[in-house]
Amino acid sequence: MPAAPELISPKSPRVSAARRLAKRNFRGKERLFLAEGPQAVREAAGHGQTLVELFATVDAAERYADIVGEARAAGARVHLADEDVIADISTTVTPQGLVGVCRFLDVPFDDVLAARPRLVAVLSNVRDPGNAGTVLRCADAAGADAVILTDASVDLYNPKSVRASVGSHFHLPVAVGVPVEQAVRGLKGVGVRILAADGAGEDDLDAELDKGTMGTPTAWIFGNEAWGLPEETRALADAVVRVPIHGRAESLNLATAAAVCLYASARAQRASSTR
């Protein structure tokens, strides 16, 4: 009979170090964050040397043997752990048996500008980590070139944000801690038109599409879901655009509005490039 796999001790310093990454100050100090679940861990394993460690239950290691193999091939240390250890490290109610420790991914804002982006999402004063992660996922799906989190926005590596992005953290450049004025000034400097998404905007998204003005490089500024964008931020934009409500809904939530706006720009840019 083969010997039972050796499990990492709950008292191991590696377990303690991983557990601390649930707190922002430790994440910032170590420049490490947690990625939980098979999708996020798979993306991390395929992203260069991003994945540092992987904790897996025996069942999960067998079920996701391909992911564990990719993690090892990427140079990550793999630790088998019992379910109590995974639950201790995880920030979810029902862990999926895989928790990865990853290096920070954010890039300098100057790198975003140097790439001459055509579609950018700017999150200004977005405080809810689930919203931030979902907008990042929407930007990734729409083919955006980058996401910028302003200095007043939530931590990119908040576990809820990482879960909500469903792996999109690993797909496109994200700059963090950029003052909104600096973001706008820099993007305008490389020829990007700035649109502020606001339910009270004077311009209508449908009208913008009809005018043919959205095929150029564009950055959308999305604000806090509860109070929107302040006047001083709206004043920075080339236009303040509302998503039209054709039915009886009171409004759209932040992530839904972001998806509508980003996809509208992506479609207009594709149409413009084929003319």
Protein backbone atom coordinates (compact mmCIF):
# COMPACT_ATOMS: atom_id res chain seq x y z
CA MET A 1 0.00 0.00 0.00
CA PRO A 2 1.47 3.41 -0.93
CA ALA A 3 2.25 5.73 1.93
CA ALA A 4 -0.24 8.51 2.61
CA PRO A 5 0.89 11.87 1.25
CA GLU A 6 2.68 14.06 3.75
CA LEU A 7 0.56 17.06 4.68
CA ILE A 8 1.94 20.45 5.63
CA SER A 9 1.54 21.20 9.32
CA PRO A 10 -1.08 23.80 10.33
CA LYS A 11 1.68 25.34 12.46
CA SER A 12 4.07 25.69 9.54
CA PRO A 13 5.48 29.20 9.00
CA ARG A 14 4.35 28.87 5.36
CA VAL A 15 0.74 28.47 6.47
CA SER A 16 1.01 31.40 8.86
CA ALA A 17 2.55 33.60 6.15
CA ALA A 18 -0.21 32.72 3.69
CA ARG A 19 -2.91 33.36 6.26
CA ARG A 20 -1.59 36.88 6.90
CA LEU A 21 -2.09 37.81 3.24
CA ALA A 22 -5.80 38.20 3.90
CA LYS A 23 -4.82 41.59 5.40
CA ARG A 24 -3.91 44.51 3.16
CA ASN A 25 -0.92 45.71 5.18
CA PHE A 26 0.75 42.30 4.94
CA ARG A 27 -0.01 42.06 1.23
CA GLY A 28 1.61 45.43 0.67
CA LYS A 29 4.64 44.58 2.78
CA GLU A 30 5.29 41.24 1.08
CA ARG A 31 3.92 42.23 -2.35
CA LEU A 32 2.06 38.94 -2.41
CA PHE A 33 -1.64 38.08 -2.63
CA LEU A 34 -3.93 35.05 -2.58
CA ALA A 35 -5.62 33.51 -5.62
CA GLU A 36 -8.27 30.93 -4.75
CA GLY A 37 -9.96 28.26 -6.80
CA PRO A 38 -8.95 26.34 -9.93
CA GLN A 39 -9.55 29.11 -12.46
CA ALA A 40 -7.48 31.74 -10.68
CA VAL A 41 -4.69 29.30 -9.83
CA ARG A 42 -4.54 28.02 -13.42
CA GLU A 43 -4.20 31.60 -14.71
CA ALA A 44 -1.52 32.37 -12.13
CA ALA A 45 0.45 29.25 -13.05
CA GLY A 46 0.43 30.30 -16.68
CA HIS A 47 1.57 33.85 -15.94
CA GLY A 48 5.36 33.62 -15.89
CA GLN A 49 6.80 33.41 -12.38
CA THR A 50 3.74 34.90 -10.70
CA LEU A 51 2.69 31.83 -8.70
CA VAL A 52 5.02 31.36 -5.73
CA GLU A 53 3.25 28.67 -3.70
CA LEU A 54 0.21 26.44 -4.01
CA PHE A 55 -1.70 24.87 -1.14
CA ALA A 56 -3.97 22.00 -2.16
CA THR A 57 -6.04 19.35 -0.45
CA VAL A 58 -5.29 15.79 -1.50
CA ASP A 59 -8.66 15.57 -3.25
CA ALA A 60 -8.11 18.84 -5.11
CA ALA A 61 -4.58 17.83 -6.10
CA GLU A 62 -6.02 14.69 -7.69
CA ARG A 63 -9.01 16.43 -9.28
CA TYR A 64 -6.90 19.25 -10.68
CA ALA A 65 -3.72 17.30 -11.35
CA ASP A 66 -3.12 19.31 -14.52
CA ILE A 67 -3.16 22.60 -12.59
CA VAL A 68 -0.83 21.21 -9.92
CA GLY A 69 1.48 20.06 -12.69
CA GLU A 70 1.43 23.52 -14.28
CA ALA A 71 2.18 25.08 -10.89
CA ARG A 72 5.21 22.84 -10.39
CA ALA A 73 6.38 23.50 -13.96
CA ALA A 74 6.14 27.24 -13.22
CA GLY A 75 8.48 26.82 -10.25
CA ALA A 76 5.88 27.13 -7.49
CA ARG A 77 6.24 25.18 -4.25
CA VAL A 78 3.27 22.82 -3.87
CA HIS A 79 2.05 21.94 -0.37
CA LEU A 80 -0.55 19.25 0.31
CA ALA A 81 -2.81 20.27 3.16
CA ASP A 82 -5.89 19.00 4.92
CA GLU A 83 -9.20 20.83 4.54
CA ASP A 84 -8.82 22.66 7.86
CA VAL A 85 -5.57 24.27 6.71
CA ILE A 86 -7.13 25.34 3.40
CA ALA A 87 -10.13 26.75 5.26
CA ASP A 88 -7.77 28.65 7.55
CA ILE A 89 -5.90 30.22 4.63
CA SER A 90 -8.93 30.79 2.40
CA THR A 91 -11.18 33.84 2.61
CA THR A 92 -14.22 32.05 1.12
CA VAL A 93 -17.02 30.28 2.94
CA THR A 94 -16.69 27.16 0.79
CA PRO A 95 -13.05 26.77 -0.34
CA GLN A 96 -12.41 24.81 -3.54
CA GLY A 97 -9.27 23.14 -2.26
CA LEU A 98 -6.67 25.27 -4.08
CA VAL A 99 -5.10 28.47 -2.75
CA GLY A 100 -2.18 30.10 -4.52
CA VAL A 101 0.26 32.70 -3.24
CA CYS A 102 1.09 35.10 -6.08
CA ARG A 103 3.41 38.02 -6.71
CA PHE A 104 1.89 41.45 -7.31
CA LEU A 105 0.99 42.11 -10.92
CA ASP A 106 0.45 45.87 -11.21
CA VAL A 107 2.50 47.85 -13.71
CA PRO A 108 3.74 51.46 -13.71
CA PHE A 109 1.32 53.95 -15.24
CA ASP A 110 4.06 55.03 -17.65
CA ASP A 111 4.09 51.49 -19.07
CA VAL A 112 0.37 51.77 -19.82
CA LEU A 113 0.95 55.03 -21.69
CA ALA A 114 3.97 53.70 -23.57
CA ALA A 115 1.81 50.91 -25.01
CA ARG A 116 -0.48 53.51 -26.65
CA PRO A 117 -3.72 51.99 -25.40
CA ARG A 118 -6.94 52.19 -27.40
CA LEU A 119 -9.39 51.19 -24.66
CA VAL A 120 -8.90 51.80 -20.95
CA ALA A 121 -11.10 51.54 -17.86
CA VAL A 122 -10.32 54.04 -15.08
CA LEU A 123 -11.81 53.22 -11.68
CA SER A 124 -12.12 56.41 -9.63
CA ASN A 125 -13.17 56.12 -5.97
CA VAL A 126 -14.46 52.58 -6.53
CA ARG A 127 -14.46 51.22 -3.00
CA ASP A 128 -16.30 47.91 -3.33
CA PRO A 129 -13.82 45.12 -4.11
CA GLY A 130 -16.46 42.99 -5.83
CA ASN A 131 -17.28 45.87 -8.17
CA ALA A 132 -13.61 46.48 -8.92
CA GLY A 133 -12.97 42.84 -9.75
CA THR A 134 -16.08 42.58 -11.91
CA VAL A 135 -15.21 45.73 -13.88
CA LEU A 136 -11.73 44.30 -14.42
CA ARG A 137 -13.36 41.13 -15.77
CA CYS A 138 -15.62 43.21 -18.05
CA ALA A 139 -12.65 45.21 -19.34
CA ASP A 140 -10.79 41.99 -20.06
CA ALA A 141 -13.79 40.51 -21.89
CA ALA A 142 -14.27 43.67 -23.97
CA GLY A 143 -10.64 43.59 -25.08
CA ALA A 144 -9.47 46.64 -23.12
CA ASP A 145 -5.75 47.34 -23.13
CA ALA A 146 -5.44 48.37 -19.48
CA VAL A 147 -7.24 49.19 -16.25
CA ILE A 148 -6.26 52.02 -13.91
CA LEU A 149 -7.26 52.13 -10.24
CA THR A 150 -6.94 55.62 -8.83
CA ASP A 151 -5.35 56.32 -5.48
CA ALA A 152 -8.79 56.57 -3.86
CA SER A 153 -9.96 53.16 -5.07
CA VAL A 154 -10.02 49.75 -3.42
CA ASP A 155 -6.97 47.47 -3.18
CA LEU A 156 -6.54 45.53 -6.42
CA TYR A 157 -5.49 42.47 -4.40
CA ASN A 158 -8.41 42.37 -1.99
CA PRO A 159 -9.48 38.68 -1.99
CA LYS A 160 -13.02 39.59 -3.03
CA SER A 161 -11.69 41.61 -5.95
CA VAL A 162 -9.44 38.74 -7.05
CA ARG A 163 -12.36 36.28 -6.89
CA ALA A 164 -14.69 38.62 -8.78
CA SER A 165 -12.21 39.02 -11.63
CA VAL A 166 -12.23 35.21 -12.18
CA GLY A 167 -8.65 35.22 -13.41
CA SER A 168 -8.69 38.51 -15.31
CA HIS A 169 -6.12 39.93 -12.88
CA PHE A 170 -3.60 37.91 -14.89
CA HIS A 171 -4.72 39.00 -18.36
CA LEU A 172 -4.21 42.73 -18.80
CA PRO A 173 -2.03 45.51 -17.39
CA VAL A 174 -3.36 47.25 -14.28
CA ALA A 175 -1.85 50.43 -12.84
CA VAL A 176 -2.74 51.31 -9.26
CA GLY A 177 -2.57 54.36 -7.02
CA VAL A 178 -2.74 56.88 -9.87
CA PRO A 179 -4.45 60.20 -9.03
CA VAL A 180 -7.36 60.69 -11.42
CA GLU A 181 -5.99 64.02 -12.63
CA GLN A 182 -2.67 62.38 -13.49
CA ALA A 183 -4.45 59.51 -15.23
CA VAL A 184 -6.49 61.87 -17.40
CA ARG A 185 -3.53 64.12 -18.20
CA GLY A 186 -1.35 61.16 -19.17
CA LEU A 187 -4.00 59.47 -21.31
CA LYS A 188 -4.86 62.68 -23.13
CA GLY A 189 -1.17 63.15 -23.78
CA VAL A 190 -1.10 59.93 -25.83
CA GLY A 191 -4.24 60.78 -27.78
CA VAL A 192 -6.89 59.03 -25.71
CA ARG A 193 -10.35 60.59 -25.49
CA ILE A 194 -11.77 60.68 -21.96
CA LEU A 195 -15.41 59.74 -21.33
CA ALA A 196 -16.93 59.91 -17.86
CA ALA A 197 -19.76 57.43 -17.28
CA ASP A 198 -22.47 59.11 -15.22
CA GLY A 199 -26.21 58.55 -15.00
CA ALA A 200 -26.76 62.32 -15.10
CA GLY A 201 -24.54 62.87 -18.12
CA GLU A 202 -25.68 65.32 -20.80
CA ASP A 203 -24.55 63.01 -23.61
CA ASP A 204 -26.33 59.77 -24.41
CA LEU A 205 -24.35 56.62 -25.24
CA ASP A 206 -26.64 55.83 -28.17
CA ALA A 207 -26.18 59.35 -29.53
CA GLU A 208 -22.40 59.05 -29.19
CA LEU A 209 -22.51 55.84 -31.21
CA ASP A 210 -24.74 57.43 -33.82
CA LYS A 211 -22.38 60.38 -34.18
CA GLY A 212 -19.48 58.04 -34.90
CA THR A 213 -17.28 59.61 -32.22
CA MET A 214 -16.39 56.43 -30.35
CA GLY A 215 -14.04 54.76 -32.80
CA THR A 216 -11.01 56.64 -31.49
CA PRO A 217 -8.82 55.57 -28.52
CA THR A 218 -11.00 55.96 -25.44
CA ALA A 219 -10.74 55.80 -21.66
CA TRP A 220 -13.89 55.45 -19.59
CA ILE A 221 -13.93 56.81 -16.04
CA PHE A 222 -16.22 54.85 -13.71
CA GLY A 223 -17.03 56.22 -10.26
CA ASN A 224 -18.35 55.04 -6.94
CA GLU A 225 -21.64 53.16 -7.32
CA ALA A 226 -23.30 54.99 -4.45
CA TRP A 227 -22.46 58.60 -5.31
CA GLY A 228 -21.05 58.53 -8.83
CA LEU A 229 -18.41 60.94 -10.06
CA PRO A 230 -17.79 64.30 -8.38
CA GLU A 231 -18.09 67.45 -10.48
CA GLU A 232 -14.33 68.01 -10.51
CA THR A 233 -13.80 64.57 -12.06
CA ARG A 234 -16.58 65.03 -14.62
CA ALA A 235 -14.96 68.33 -15.60
CA LEU A 236 -11.78 66.49 -16.60
CA ALA A 237 -13.58 64.46 -19.26
CA ASP A 238 -14.13 65.29 -22.91
CA ALA A 239 -17.74 64.19 -22.47
CA VAL A 240 -19.98 62.95 -19.66
CA VAL A 241 -22.03 60.06 -21.00
CA ARG A 242 -25.06 58.31 -19.58
CA VAL A 243 -26.25 54.83 -20.49
CA PRO A 244 -29.86 55.28 -21.67
CA ILE A 245 -32.52 53.50 -19.66
CA HIS A 246 -35.14 52.37 -22.18
CA GLY A 247 -37.21 50.46 -19.67
CA ARG A 248 -38.39 51.17 -16.14
CA ALA A 249 -35.23 50.29 -14.20
CA GLU A 250 -34.08 52.99 -11.81
CA SER A 251 -30.44 52.60 -12.87
CA LEU A 252 -27.70 50.12 -13.71
CA ASN A 253 -25.13 48.91 -11.24
CA LEU A 254 -21.51 49.85 -11.80
CA ALA A 255 -20.32 46.63 -13.40
CA THR A 256 -23.28 46.41 -15.78
CA ALA A 257 -22.86 50.03 -16.89
CA ALA A 258 -19.12 49.46 -17.36
CA ALA A 259 -19.77 46.41 -19.53
CA VAL A 260 -22.22 48.35 -21.73
CA CYS A 261 -19.81 51.27 -22.16
CA LEU A 262 -16.70 49.19 -22.80
CA TYR A 263 -18.42 46.93 -25.30
CA ALA A 264 -19.88 49.95 -27.10
CA SER A 265 -16.38 51.40 -27.49
CA ALA A 266 -14.91 48.06 -28.52
CA ARG A 267 -17.55 47.62 -31.24
CA ALA A 268 -17.09 51.19 -32.52
CA GLN A 269 -13.32 50.76 -32.62
CA ARG A 270 -13.58 47.50 -34.56
CA ALA A 271 -15.93 49.12 -37.04
CA SER A 272 -13.58 52.08 -37.42
CA SER A 273 -10.57 49.85 -38.07
CA THR A 274 -12.30 48.04 -40.95
CA ARG A 275 -13.27 51.18 -42.85
